[in-house]
N, C-alpha and C. Protein backbone atom coordinates (compact mmCIF):
# COMPACT_ATOMS: atom_id res chain seq x y z
N UNK A 1 -190.36 -79.25 181.68
CA UNK A 1 -189.57 -78.11 182.07
C UNK A 1 -189.70 -77.04 180.99
N UNK A 2 -189.97 -75.82 181.40
CA UNK A 2 -190.09 -74.71 180.46
C UNK A 2 -188.71 -74.22 180.05
N UNK A 3 -188.55 -73.98 178.73
CA UNK A 3 -187.28 -73.47 178.22
C UNK A 3 -187.28 -71.94 178.31
N UNK A 4 -186.32 -71.40 179.02
CA UNK A 4 -186.12 -69.95 179.06
C UNK A 4 -184.74 -69.69 178.50
N UNK A 5 -184.69 -68.90 177.45
CA UNK A 5 -183.41 -68.69 176.77
C UNK A 5 -182.43 -67.93 177.66
N UNK A 6 -181.17 -68.14 177.40
CA UNK A 6 -180.13 -67.49 178.21
C UNK A 6 -180.06 -65.99 177.92
N UNK A 7 -180.61 -65.54 176.80
CA UNK A 7 -180.61 -64.12 176.46
C UNK A 7 -181.99 -63.51 176.58
N UNK A 8 -182.84 -64.15 177.37
CA UNK A 8 -184.24 -63.76 177.51
C UNK A 8 -184.41 -62.27 177.80
N UNK A 9 -183.65 -61.72 178.69
CA UNK A 9 -183.78 -60.29 179.02
C UNK A 9 -182.60 -59.47 178.51
N UNK A 10 -181.76 -60.06 177.66
CA UNK A 10 -180.55 -59.40 177.17
C UNK A 10 -180.68 -58.98 175.70
N UNK A 11 -181.13 -59.90 174.85
CA UNK A 11 -181.23 -59.62 173.41
C UNK A 11 -182.31 -58.57 173.16
N UNK A 12 -181.93 -57.49 172.48
CA UNK A 12 -182.84 -56.38 172.24
C UNK A 12 -183.05 -56.23 170.74
N UNK A 13 -184.30 -55.97 170.36
CA UNK A 13 -184.63 -55.75 168.95
C UNK A 13 -184.49 -54.27 168.64
N UNK A 14 -184.07 -53.99 167.40
CA UNK A 14 -183.90 -52.60 166.97
C UNK A 14 -182.61 -52.43 166.20
N UNK A 15 -182.30 -51.17 165.87
CA UNK A 15 -181.08 -50.85 165.12
C UNK A 15 -180.05 -50.25 166.08
N UNK A 16 -178.78 -50.65 165.87
CA UNK A 16 -177.72 -50.22 166.77
C UNK A 16 -176.45 -49.91 165.99
N UNK A 17 -175.58 -49.12 166.60
CA UNK A 17 -174.29 -48.81 166.00
C UNK A 17 -174.41 -47.83 164.85
N UNK A 18 -173.53 -47.97 163.88
CA UNK A 18 -173.45 -47.06 162.74
C UNK A 18 -174.45 -47.48 161.65
N UNK A 19 -175.75 -47.30 161.92
CA UNK A 19 -176.78 -47.71 160.97
C UNK A 19 -177.37 -46.55 160.18
N UNK A 20 -177.16 -45.33 160.66
CA UNK A 20 -177.78 -44.18 160.01
C UNK A 20 -177.27 -43.98 158.59
N UNK A 21 -178.19 -43.60 157.71
CA UNK A 21 -177.90 -43.34 156.30
C UNK A 21 -177.38 -44.57 155.57
N UNK A 22 -177.70 -45.77 156.10
CA UNK A 22 -177.31 -47.02 155.43
C UNK A 22 -178.57 -47.79 155.05
N UNK A 23 -178.49 -48.47 153.93
CA UNK A 23 -179.58 -49.33 153.50
C UNK A 23 -179.67 -50.51 154.47
N UNK A 24 -180.88 -50.91 154.85
CA UNK A 24 -181.04 -52.01 155.81
C UNK A 24 -180.37 -53.30 155.36
N UNK A 25 -180.33 -53.54 154.04
CA UNK A 25 -179.71 -54.79 153.55
C UNK A 25 -178.20 -54.79 153.75
N UNK A 26 -177.61 -53.62 154.02
CA UNK A 26 -176.17 -53.53 154.26
C UNK A 26 -175.81 -53.68 155.74
N UNK A 27 -176.83 -53.71 156.61
CA UNK A 27 -176.60 -53.87 158.04
C UNK A 27 -176.51 -55.34 158.41
N UNK A 28 -175.76 -55.63 159.44
CA UNK A 28 -175.73 -56.98 159.98
C UNK A 28 -177.06 -57.27 160.68
N UNK A 29 -177.40 -58.53 160.76
CA UNK A 29 -178.58 -58.98 161.48
C UNK A 29 -178.12 -59.92 162.58
N UNK A 30 -178.56 -59.67 163.81
CA UNK A 30 -178.19 -60.54 164.93
C UNK A 30 -179.47 -61.07 165.57
N UNK A 31 -179.56 -62.40 165.65
CA UNK A 31 -180.75 -63.07 166.16
C UNK A 31 -180.34 -64.10 167.19
N UNK A 32 -181.15 -64.25 168.22
CA UNK A 32 -180.95 -65.36 169.14
C UNK A 32 -181.78 -66.53 168.63
N UNK A 33 -181.16 -67.69 168.48
CA UNK A 33 -181.88 -68.90 168.10
C UNK A 33 -182.28 -69.60 169.39
N UNK A 34 -183.57 -69.82 169.55
CA UNK A 34 -184.05 -70.46 170.79
C UNK A 34 -185.15 -71.45 170.45
N UNK A 35 -185.63 -72.13 171.45
CA UNK A 35 -186.66 -73.15 171.29
C UNK A 35 -186.20 -74.26 170.35
N UNK A 36 -185.02 -74.79 170.63
CA UNK A 36 -184.49 -75.93 169.89
C UNK A 36 -184.07 -77.00 170.88
N UNK A 37 -184.02 -78.23 170.40
CA UNK A 37 -183.45 -79.29 171.22
C UNK A 37 -182.00 -79.47 170.79
N UNK A 38 -181.14 -79.71 171.76
CA UNK A 38 -179.71 -79.87 171.50
C UNK A 38 -179.26 -81.13 172.25
N UNK A 39 -178.56 -82.01 171.53
CA UNK A 39 -177.97 -83.14 172.23
C UNK A 39 -176.64 -83.52 171.61
N UNK A 40 -175.80 -84.13 172.44
CA UNK A 40 -174.46 -84.54 172.03
C UNK A 40 -174.41 -86.05 171.92
N UNK A 41 -173.74 -86.52 170.88
CA UNK A 41 -173.52 -87.95 170.68
C UNK A 41 -172.02 -88.20 170.68
N UNK A 42 -171.57 -89.11 171.52
CA UNK A 42 -170.15 -89.47 171.58
C UNK A 42 -170.05 -90.98 171.44
N UNK A 43 -169.27 -91.42 170.46
CA UNK A 43 -169.04 -92.85 170.27
C UNK A 43 -167.83 -93.25 171.12
N UNK A 44 -167.98 -94.30 171.90
CA UNK A 44 -166.90 -94.78 172.76
C UNK A 44 -165.76 -95.36 171.91
N UNK A 45 -164.53 -95.24 172.42
CA UNK A 45 -163.35 -95.72 171.70
C UNK A 45 -163.41 -97.21 171.40
N UNK A 46 -163.95 -97.99 172.32
CA UNK A 46 -163.96 -99.45 172.14
C UNK A 46 -165.16 -99.93 171.32
N UNK A 47 -166.01 -99.03 170.84
CA UNK A 47 -167.18 -99.41 170.06
C UNK A 47 -166.78 -99.87 168.66
N UNK A 48 -167.43 -100.91 168.18
CA UNK A 48 -167.18 -101.44 166.84
C UNK A 48 -168.27 -101.00 165.85
N UNK A 49 -169.22 -100.21 166.31
CA UNK A 49 -170.32 -99.73 165.46
C UNK A 49 -169.78 -98.84 164.35
N UNK A 50 -170.28 -99.05 163.13
CA UNK A 50 -169.91 -98.20 162.01
C UNK A 50 -170.87 -97.02 161.94
N UNK A 51 -170.33 -95.83 162.09
CA UNK A 51 -171.19 -94.64 162.17
C UNK A 51 -171.79 -94.25 160.83
N UNK A 52 -171.22 -94.72 159.73
CA UNK A 52 -171.73 -94.30 158.42
C UNK A 52 -173.11 -94.89 158.11
N UNK A 53 -173.63 -95.73 158.97
CA UNK A 53 -174.97 -96.29 158.78
C UNK A 53 -176.01 -95.62 159.69
N UNK A 54 -175.57 -94.76 160.59
CA UNK A 54 -176.47 -94.13 161.54
C UNK A 54 -177.09 -92.87 160.94
N UNK A 55 -178.42 -92.74 161.13
CA UNK A 55 -179.12 -91.54 160.68
C UNK A 55 -179.93 -90.96 161.82
N UNK A 56 -179.98 -89.64 161.85
CA UNK A 56 -180.82 -88.91 162.80
C UNK A 56 -181.64 -87.93 161.97
N UNK A 57 -182.95 -88.02 162.07
CA UNK A 57 -183.86 -87.18 161.28
C UNK A 57 -183.48 -87.24 159.79
N UNK A 58 -183.18 -88.45 159.32
CA UNK A 58 -182.78 -88.72 157.92
C UNK A 58 -181.46 -88.06 157.52
N UNK A 59 -180.61 -87.76 158.48
CA UNK A 59 -179.29 -87.18 158.21
C UNK A 59 -178.21 -88.13 158.73
N UNK A 60 -177.16 -88.32 157.93
CA UNK A 60 -176.02 -89.10 158.39
C UNK A 60 -175.12 -88.23 159.26
N UNK A 61 -174.36 -88.85 160.15
CA UNK A 61 -173.41 -88.11 160.97
C UNK A 61 -172.29 -87.59 160.06
N UNK A 62 -171.98 -86.29 160.13
CA UNK A 62 -171.00 -85.71 159.21
C UNK A 62 -169.56 -86.05 159.57
N UNK A 63 -168.69 -85.84 158.59
CA UNK A 63 -167.25 -86.03 158.78
C UNK A 63 -166.62 -84.79 159.37
N UNK A 64 -165.32 -84.86 159.54
CA UNK A 64 -164.51 -83.82 160.18
C UNK A 64 -164.81 -82.41 159.66
N UNK A 65 -165.11 -81.49 160.60
CA UNK A 65 -165.34 -80.07 160.35
C UNK A 65 -166.48 -79.79 159.38
N UNK A 66 -167.45 -80.69 159.31
CA UNK A 66 -168.60 -80.53 158.41
C UNK A 66 -169.90 -80.66 159.19
N UNK A 67 -171.00 -80.31 158.51
CA UNK A 67 -172.33 -80.45 159.10
C UNK A 67 -173.24 -81.19 158.14
N UNK A 68 -174.30 -81.79 158.68
CA UNK A 68 -175.37 -82.40 157.89
C UNK A 68 -176.63 -81.63 158.23
N UNK A 69 -177.44 -81.30 157.21
CA UNK A 69 -178.52 -80.35 157.43
C UNK A 69 -179.78 -80.74 156.67
N UNK A 70 -180.93 -80.53 157.30
CA UNK A 70 -182.21 -80.50 156.59
C UNK A 70 -183.02 -79.33 157.15
N UNK A 71 -184.26 -79.21 156.80
CA UNK A 71 -185.03 -78.02 157.20
C UNK A 71 -185.27 -77.92 158.71
N UNK A 72 -185.17 -79.02 159.43
CA UNK A 72 -185.43 -79.00 160.88
C UNK A 72 -184.21 -79.22 161.74
N UNK A 73 -183.19 -79.88 161.20
CA UNK A 73 -182.10 -80.38 162.03
C UNK A 73 -180.74 -80.07 161.42
N UNK A 74 -179.78 -79.78 162.31
CA UNK A 74 -178.38 -79.61 161.91
C UNK A 74 -177.55 -80.51 162.81
N UNK A 75 -176.63 -81.26 162.22
CA UNK A 75 -175.70 -82.10 162.99
C UNK A 75 -174.30 -81.58 162.70
N UNK A 76 -173.56 -81.23 163.74
CA UNK A 76 -172.21 -80.70 163.59
C UNK A 76 -171.19 -81.69 164.12
N UNK A 77 -170.13 -81.90 163.37
CA UNK A 77 -168.98 -82.68 163.86
C UNK A 77 -168.20 -81.75 164.77
N UNK A 78 -167.97 -82.15 166.02
CA UNK A 78 -167.23 -81.28 166.94
C UNK A 78 -165.96 -81.91 167.48
N UNK A 79 -165.63 -83.07 166.99
CA UNK A 79 -164.41 -83.76 167.38
C UNK A 79 -164.50 -85.21 166.92
N UNK A 80 -163.41 -85.94 167.01
CA UNK A 80 -163.44 -87.35 166.60
C UNK A 80 -164.52 -88.12 167.36
N UNK A 81 -165.41 -88.76 166.61
CA UNK A 81 -166.52 -89.53 167.19
C UNK A 81 -167.38 -88.71 168.15
N UNK A 82 -167.61 -87.44 167.79
CA UNK A 82 -168.33 -86.52 168.67
C UNK A 82 -169.14 -85.56 167.80
N UNK A 83 -170.47 -85.48 168.05
CA UNK A 83 -171.36 -84.65 167.25
C UNK A 83 -172.35 -83.91 168.14
N UNK A 84 -172.76 -82.72 167.69
CA UNK A 84 -173.85 -81.97 168.32
C UNK A 84 -175.02 -81.94 167.36
N UNK A 85 -176.21 -82.19 167.88
CA UNK A 85 -177.43 -82.18 167.09
C UNK A 85 -178.30 -81.03 167.59
N UNK A 86 -178.76 -80.18 166.66
CA UNK A 86 -179.65 -79.05 166.96
C UNK A 86 -180.89 -79.23 166.11
N UNK A 87 -182.06 -79.18 166.73
CA UNK A 87 -183.26 -79.43 165.95
C UNK A 87 -184.44 -78.60 166.44
N UNK A 88 -185.28 -78.21 165.48
CA UNK A 88 -186.55 -77.57 165.80
C UNK A 88 -187.57 -78.59 166.30
N UNK A 89 -187.30 -79.86 166.05
CA UNK A 89 -188.15 -80.94 166.56
C UNK A 89 -187.81 -81.14 168.03
N UNK A 90 -188.63 -80.61 168.89
CA UNK A 90 -188.31 -80.61 170.32
C UNK A 90 -188.31 -82.01 170.93
N UNK A 91 -188.93 -82.98 170.28
CA UNK A 91 -188.94 -84.36 170.80
C UNK A 91 -187.89 -85.25 170.14
N UNK A 92 -187.01 -84.67 169.33
CA UNK A 92 -186.04 -85.48 168.58
C UNK A 92 -185.12 -86.29 169.49
N UNK A 93 -184.69 -85.71 170.60
CA UNK A 93 -183.82 -86.45 171.53
C UNK A 93 -184.52 -87.73 172.00
N UNK A 94 -185.78 -87.60 172.38
CA UNK A 94 -186.53 -88.75 172.88
C UNK A 94 -186.77 -89.80 171.80
N UNK A 95 -187.04 -89.35 170.58
CA UNK A 95 -187.32 -90.31 169.51
C UNK A 95 -186.07 -90.98 168.95
N UNK A 96 -184.91 -90.34 169.08
CA UNK A 96 -183.69 -90.86 168.46
C UNK A 96 -182.75 -91.58 169.43
N UNK A 97 -182.85 -91.30 170.72
CA UNK A 97 -181.85 -91.86 171.64
C UNK A 97 -181.89 -93.38 171.72
N UNK A 98 -183.00 -94.00 171.38
CA UNK A 98 -183.11 -95.45 171.38
C UNK A 98 -182.23 -96.13 170.33
N UNK A 99 -181.77 -95.38 169.34
CA UNK A 99 -180.90 -95.93 168.29
C UNK A 99 -179.48 -96.18 168.79
N UNK A 100 -179.17 -95.65 169.96
CA UNK A 100 -177.79 -95.66 170.44
C UNK A 100 -177.64 -96.54 171.67
N UNK A 101 -176.90 -97.63 171.51
CA UNK A 101 -176.64 -98.55 172.62
C UNK A 101 -175.77 -97.85 173.66
N UNK A 102 -176.11 -98.02 174.92
CA UNK A 102 -175.30 -97.39 175.99
C UNK A 102 -173.92 -98.04 176.11
N UNK A 103 -173.71 -99.17 175.46
CA UNK A 103 -172.38 -99.79 175.44
C UNK A 103 -171.48 -99.18 174.36
N UNK A 104 -172.09 -98.47 173.41
CA UNK A 104 -171.34 -97.90 172.29
C UNK A 104 -171.31 -96.37 172.27
N UNK A 105 -172.31 -95.76 172.88
CA UNK A 105 -172.45 -94.30 172.79
C UNK A 105 -172.86 -93.67 174.11
N UNK A 106 -172.45 -92.43 174.28
CA UNK A 106 -173.03 -91.57 175.31
C UNK A 106 -173.85 -90.54 174.55
N UNK A 107 -175.11 -90.40 174.91
CA UNK A 107 -175.98 -89.41 174.27
C UNK A 107 -176.59 -88.57 175.39
N UNK A 108 -176.37 -87.25 175.30
CA UNK A 108 -176.70 -86.36 176.40
C UNK A 108 -177.53 -85.18 175.92
N UNK A 109 -178.64 -84.91 176.59
CA UNK A 109 -179.48 -83.76 176.28
C UNK A 109 -178.81 -82.50 176.82
N UNK A 110 -178.54 -81.54 175.93
CA UNK A 110 -177.88 -80.28 176.31
C UNK A 110 -178.78 -79.07 176.03
N UNK A 111 -180.07 -79.30 175.86
CA UNK A 111 -180.98 -78.27 175.38
C UNK A 111 -180.95 -76.97 176.18
N UNK A 112 -180.73 -77.05 177.46
CA UNK A 112 -180.74 -75.84 178.29
C UNK A 112 -179.35 -75.27 178.52
N UNK A 113 -178.34 -75.85 177.90
CA UNK A 113 -176.97 -75.48 178.27
C UNK A 113 -176.25 -74.60 177.26
N UNK A 114 -176.91 -74.19 176.19
CA UNK A 114 -176.24 -73.43 175.14
C UNK A 114 -176.95 -72.12 174.82
N UNK A 115 -176.15 -71.15 174.40
CA UNK A 115 -176.63 -69.91 173.81
C UNK A 115 -176.30 -69.99 172.33
N UNK A 116 -177.26 -69.63 171.48
CA UNK A 116 -177.03 -69.66 170.04
C UNK A 116 -177.33 -68.27 169.48
N UNK A 117 -176.31 -67.68 168.87
CA UNK A 117 -176.44 -66.36 168.26
C UNK A 117 -176.18 -66.52 166.76
N UNK A 118 -177.12 -66.03 165.96
CA UNK A 118 -176.95 -66.08 164.51
C UNK A 118 -176.65 -64.67 164.01
N UNK A 119 -175.61 -64.55 163.22
CA UNK A 119 -175.22 -63.26 162.66
C UNK A 119 -175.19 -63.40 161.14
N UNK A 120 -175.80 -62.42 160.47
CA UNK A 120 -175.95 -62.48 159.02
C UNK A 120 -175.61 -61.13 158.40
N UNK A 121 -174.94 -61.16 157.26
CA UNK A 121 -174.62 -59.94 156.52
C UNK A 121 -173.23 -60.00 155.93
N UNK A 122 -172.92 -58.99 155.13
CA UNK A 122 -171.65 -59.03 154.40
C UNK A 122 -170.43 -58.80 155.29
N UNK A 123 -170.62 -58.33 156.53
CA UNK A 123 -169.48 -58.09 157.41
C UNK A 123 -169.33 -59.15 158.50
N UNK A 124 -169.99 -60.28 158.35
CA UNK A 124 -169.91 -61.36 159.35
C UNK A 124 -168.46 -61.75 159.61
N UNK A 125 -167.70 -61.99 158.54
CA UNK A 125 -166.31 -62.41 158.72
C UNK A 125 -165.50 -61.38 159.50
N UNK A 126 -165.76 -60.11 159.24
CA UNK A 126 -165.01 -59.05 159.93
C UNK A 126 -165.33 -59.05 161.42
N UNK A 127 -166.58 -59.28 161.77
CA UNK A 127 -166.96 -59.36 163.19
C UNK A 127 -166.28 -60.55 163.85
N UNK A 128 -166.29 -61.70 163.17
CA UNK A 128 -165.67 -62.90 163.75
C UNK A 128 -164.17 -62.74 163.91
N UNK A 129 -163.52 -62.07 162.95
CA UNK A 129 -162.07 -61.88 163.02
C UNK A 129 -161.65 -61.03 164.21
N UNK A 130 -162.54 -60.22 164.73
CA UNK A 130 -162.21 -59.35 165.87
C UNK A 130 -161.96 -60.14 167.15
N UNK A 131 -162.52 -61.36 167.26
CA UNK A 131 -162.35 -62.09 168.50
C UNK A 131 -161.97 -63.55 168.35
N UNK A 132 -161.88 -64.03 167.10
CA UNK A 132 -161.63 -65.45 166.86
C UNK A 132 -160.31 -65.63 166.11
N UNK A 133 -159.43 -66.51 166.59
CA UNK A 133 -158.11 -66.69 165.96
C UNK A 133 -158.12 -67.52 164.68
N UNK A 134 -159.25 -68.11 164.30
CA UNK A 134 -159.29 -68.94 163.10
C UNK A 134 -159.17 -68.09 161.84
N UNK A 135 -158.72 -68.70 160.75
CA UNK A 135 -158.73 -68.06 159.45
C UNK A 135 -160.16 -68.16 158.92
N UNK A 136 -161.00 -67.23 159.31
CA UNK A 136 -162.43 -67.27 159.02
C UNK A 136 -162.72 -67.32 157.52
N UNK A 137 -161.90 -66.67 156.72
CA UNK A 137 -162.15 -66.60 155.28
C UNK A 137 -162.11 -67.96 154.58
N UNK A 138 -161.47 -68.95 155.19
CA UNK A 138 -161.38 -70.26 154.53
C UNK A 138 -162.62 -71.12 154.73
N UNK A 139 -163.51 -70.73 155.64
CA UNK A 139 -164.70 -71.53 155.93
C UNK A 139 -165.82 -71.21 154.94
N UNK A 140 -166.54 -72.25 154.54
CA UNK A 140 -167.63 -72.14 153.57
C UNK A 140 -168.90 -72.74 154.16
N UNK A 141 -169.98 -72.61 153.44
CA UNK A 141 -171.26 -73.19 153.83
C UNK A 141 -171.08 -74.68 154.12
N UNK A 142 -171.62 -75.13 155.26
CA UNK A 142 -171.53 -76.54 155.63
C UNK A 142 -170.34 -76.88 156.50
N UNK A 143 -169.44 -75.91 156.72
CA UNK A 143 -168.29 -76.12 157.60
C UNK A 143 -168.67 -75.78 159.04
N UNK A 144 -167.92 -76.32 159.98
CA UNK A 144 -168.08 -75.97 161.39
C UNK A 144 -166.74 -76.15 162.09
N UNK A 145 -166.59 -75.48 163.23
CA UNK A 145 -165.33 -75.57 163.95
C UNK A 145 -165.52 -75.11 165.39
N UNK A 146 -164.72 -75.65 166.27
CA UNK A 146 -164.64 -75.15 167.64
C UNK A 146 -163.53 -74.11 167.70
N UNK A 147 -163.71 -73.10 168.53
CA UNK A 147 -162.69 -72.06 168.68
C UNK A 147 -163.00 -71.27 169.94
N UNK A 148 -162.50 -70.05 169.98
CA UNK A 148 -162.81 -69.10 171.06
C UNK A 148 -163.17 -67.76 170.42
N UNK A 149 -163.94 -66.98 171.16
CA UNK A 149 -164.23 -65.60 170.76
C UNK A 149 -163.98 -64.74 171.99
N UNK A 150 -162.95 -63.91 171.92
CA UNK A 150 -162.55 -63.09 173.07
C UNK A 150 -162.46 -63.92 174.34
N UNK A 151 -161.85 -65.10 174.24
CA UNK A 151 -161.61 -65.95 175.40
C UNK A 151 -162.76 -66.86 175.77
N UNK A 152 -163.89 -66.80 175.06
CA UNK A 152 -165.05 -67.63 175.36
C UNK A 152 -165.07 -68.80 174.37
N UNK A 153 -165.16 -70.02 174.88
CA UNK A 153 -165.22 -71.20 174.01
C UNK A 153 -166.51 -71.18 173.18
N UNK A 154 -166.37 -71.40 171.87
CA UNK A 154 -167.52 -71.36 170.97
C UNK A 154 -167.43 -72.49 169.95
N UNK A 155 -168.56 -72.75 169.31
CA UNK A 155 -168.62 -73.57 168.12
C UNK A 155 -169.23 -72.71 167.02
N UNK A 156 -168.60 -72.70 165.85
CA UNK A 156 -169.08 -71.93 164.70
C UNK A 156 -169.72 -72.87 163.70
N UNK A 157 -170.88 -72.49 163.19
CA UNK A 157 -171.61 -73.26 162.18
C UNK A 157 -171.88 -72.32 161.00
N UNK A 158 -171.24 -72.59 159.88
CA UNK A 158 -171.35 -71.73 158.70
C UNK A 158 -172.58 -72.15 157.90
N UNK A 159 -173.64 -71.36 157.99
CA UNK A 159 -174.96 -71.70 157.45
C UNK A 159 -175.06 -71.44 155.95
N UNK A 160 -174.66 -70.23 155.52
CA UNK A 160 -174.77 -69.89 154.10
C UNK A 160 -173.72 -68.85 153.73
N UNK A 161 -173.52 -68.71 152.42
CA UNK A 161 -172.53 -67.75 151.92
C UNK A 161 -173.17 -66.54 151.26
N UNK A 162 -174.39 -66.67 150.78
CA UNK A 162 -175.05 -65.54 150.14
C UNK A 162 -176.52 -65.55 150.51
N UNK A 163 -176.91 -64.87 151.57
CA UNK A 163 -176.07 -63.99 152.38
C UNK A 163 -175.19 -64.78 153.35
N UNK A 164 -174.12 -64.16 153.78
CA UNK A 164 -173.21 -64.78 154.75
C UNK A 164 -173.96 -64.92 156.07
N UNK A 165 -174.04 -66.15 156.58
CA UNK A 165 -174.76 -66.40 157.82
C UNK A 165 -174.00 -67.44 158.64
N UNK A 166 -173.75 -67.12 159.91
CA UNK A 166 -173.01 -68.01 160.81
C UNK A 166 -173.74 -68.08 162.14
N UNK A 167 -173.83 -69.29 162.70
CA UNK A 167 -174.34 -69.46 164.07
C UNK A 167 -173.16 -69.67 165.00
N UNK A 168 -173.24 -69.00 166.13
CA UNK A 168 -172.20 -69.07 167.15
C UNK A 168 -172.83 -69.68 168.40
N UNK A 169 -172.27 -70.80 168.85
CA UNK A 169 -172.79 -71.51 170.01
C UNK A 169 -171.80 -71.34 171.16
N UNK A 170 -172.32 -70.98 172.31
CA UNK A 170 -171.49 -70.88 173.50
C UNK A 170 -172.22 -71.48 174.69
N UNK A 171 -171.49 -71.75 175.74
CA UNK A 171 -172.12 -72.25 176.96
C UNK A 171 -173.07 -71.19 177.51
N UNK A 172 -174.19 -71.64 178.04
CA UNK A 172 -175.21 -70.75 178.57
C UNK A 172 -174.63 -69.78 179.60
N UNK A 173 -173.74 -70.27 180.44
CA UNK A 173 -173.18 -69.43 181.50
C UNK A 173 -172.36 -68.26 180.96
N UNK A 174 -171.89 -68.37 179.71
CA UNK A 174 -171.15 -67.28 179.09
C UNK A 174 -171.98 -66.56 178.03
N UNK A 175 -173.26 -66.89 177.95
CA UNK A 175 -174.13 -66.35 176.91
C UNK A 175 -174.20 -64.84 176.87
N UNK A 176 -174.38 -64.23 178.01
CA UNK A 176 -174.48 -62.77 178.06
C UNK A 176 -173.17 -62.11 177.63
N UNK A 177 -172.05 -62.62 178.11
CA UNK A 177 -170.75 -62.06 177.73
C UNK A 177 -170.49 -62.26 176.24
N UNK A 178 -170.84 -63.43 175.71
CA UNK A 178 -170.66 -63.69 174.29
C UNK A 178 -171.53 -62.75 173.45
N UNK A 179 -172.77 -62.58 173.85
CA UNK A 179 -173.69 -61.69 173.14
C UNK A 179 -173.14 -60.26 173.10
N UNK A 180 -172.70 -59.75 174.24
CA UNK A 180 -172.16 -58.38 174.29
C UNK A 180 -170.88 -58.27 173.47
N UNK A 181 -170.08 -59.31 173.46
CA UNK A 181 -168.85 -59.30 172.68
C UNK A 181 -169.16 -59.24 171.19
N UNK A 182 -170.13 -60.03 170.75
CA UNK A 182 -170.53 -60.04 169.33
C UNK A 182 -171.18 -58.71 168.95
N UNK A 183 -172.09 -58.23 169.76
CA UNK A 183 -172.77 -56.98 169.41
C UNK A 183 -171.81 -55.79 169.45
N UNK A 184 -170.89 -55.75 170.41
CA UNK A 184 -169.90 -54.67 170.45
C UNK A 184 -169.03 -54.67 169.19
N UNK A 185 -168.66 -55.86 168.73
CA UNK A 185 -167.84 -55.97 167.53
C UNK A 185 -168.62 -55.60 166.27
N UNK A 186 -169.95 -55.58 166.36
CA UNK A 186 -170.80 -55.29 165.20
C UNK A 186 -171.17 -53.82 165.10
N UNK A 187 -170.93 -53.04 166.14
CA UNK A 187 -171.38 -51.65 166.16
C UNK A 187 -170.84 -50.82 165.00
N UNK A 188 -169.59 -51.00 164.63
CA UNK A 188 -169.02 -50.16 163.57
C UNK A 188 -169.67 -50.40 162.22
N UNK A 189 -170.29 -51.55 162.03
CA UNK A 189 -170.95 -51.87 160.76
C UNK A 189 -172.44 -51.55 160.80
N UNK A 190 -172.97 -51.38 161.99
CA UNK A 190 -174.41 -51.21 162.16
C UNK A 190 -175.08 -52.57 162.13
N UNK A 191 -176.04 -52.79 163.03
CA UNK A 191 -176.75 -54.07 163.03
C UNK A 191 -178.18 -53.90 163.49
N UNK A 192 -178.97 -54.88 163.08
CA UNK A 192 -180.37 -54.95 163.50
C UNK A 192 -180.52 -56.14 164.41
N UNK A 193 -181.00 -55.91 165.62
CA UNK A 193 -181.32 -57.01 166.52
C UNK A 193 -182.72 -57.51 166.16
N UNK A 194 -182.80 -58.78 165.81
CA UNK A 194 -184.11 -59.35 165.40
C UNK A 194 -184.58 -60.39 166.39
C-alpha cells in the first residue's frame, strides 16, 4: 500500500506571517513528518510480562510521560501500559511484532492514521499555549503528553530544547484542521514551511 500523507496537498513550503525584516533563524519552522511507520503497543491488564526487559530497535519502553529515542525510532509513553512507536524503519512493525505474545499484548499498525507536524524555534511554547491547556513551560526534552489543541486530541513529543523542537501528533482525519490551527497560531511570529 502506498503511503500518502494526510497533508499531501495542504502543507505549503515558503515564508508566511510576520517574517519580513526578520532573520530566518528567528522564524518558526513547520514541517510535516511523513514516511514513517507508527504502531501502538498495549500490555493487557492480566499479563505477567515484565516490560523492563522488552526492547524495540534497541530501545526500552519508556516510563510515564517520557520517550526513548535513537536516530531512527522514537517510543512514547501514552498511558499506563500503552506506547506509540514511530520509526523511519518502515519494516520495524513487521520485524518487531513477533516479540509480543497475543496473550499479553495488542500491537496495532497505525502508520496511515496519524498526522505529524514538527514545529521548531524560540516561539514554539507560545504557539502551543494558544491552543493547549497544559503548562507547556514545564516540559523538557524527552517528555511527552496527550492533550488537546483547539479541541483536537493530540500527542506532544518534546524533541529538543536548543533549538526548541516539538512534534504534534493528531488523528489523520483532523490533520488538516490541526495544521491550519498550528499555522494560524504561528503567523504573528512568522514561519517557514519546510
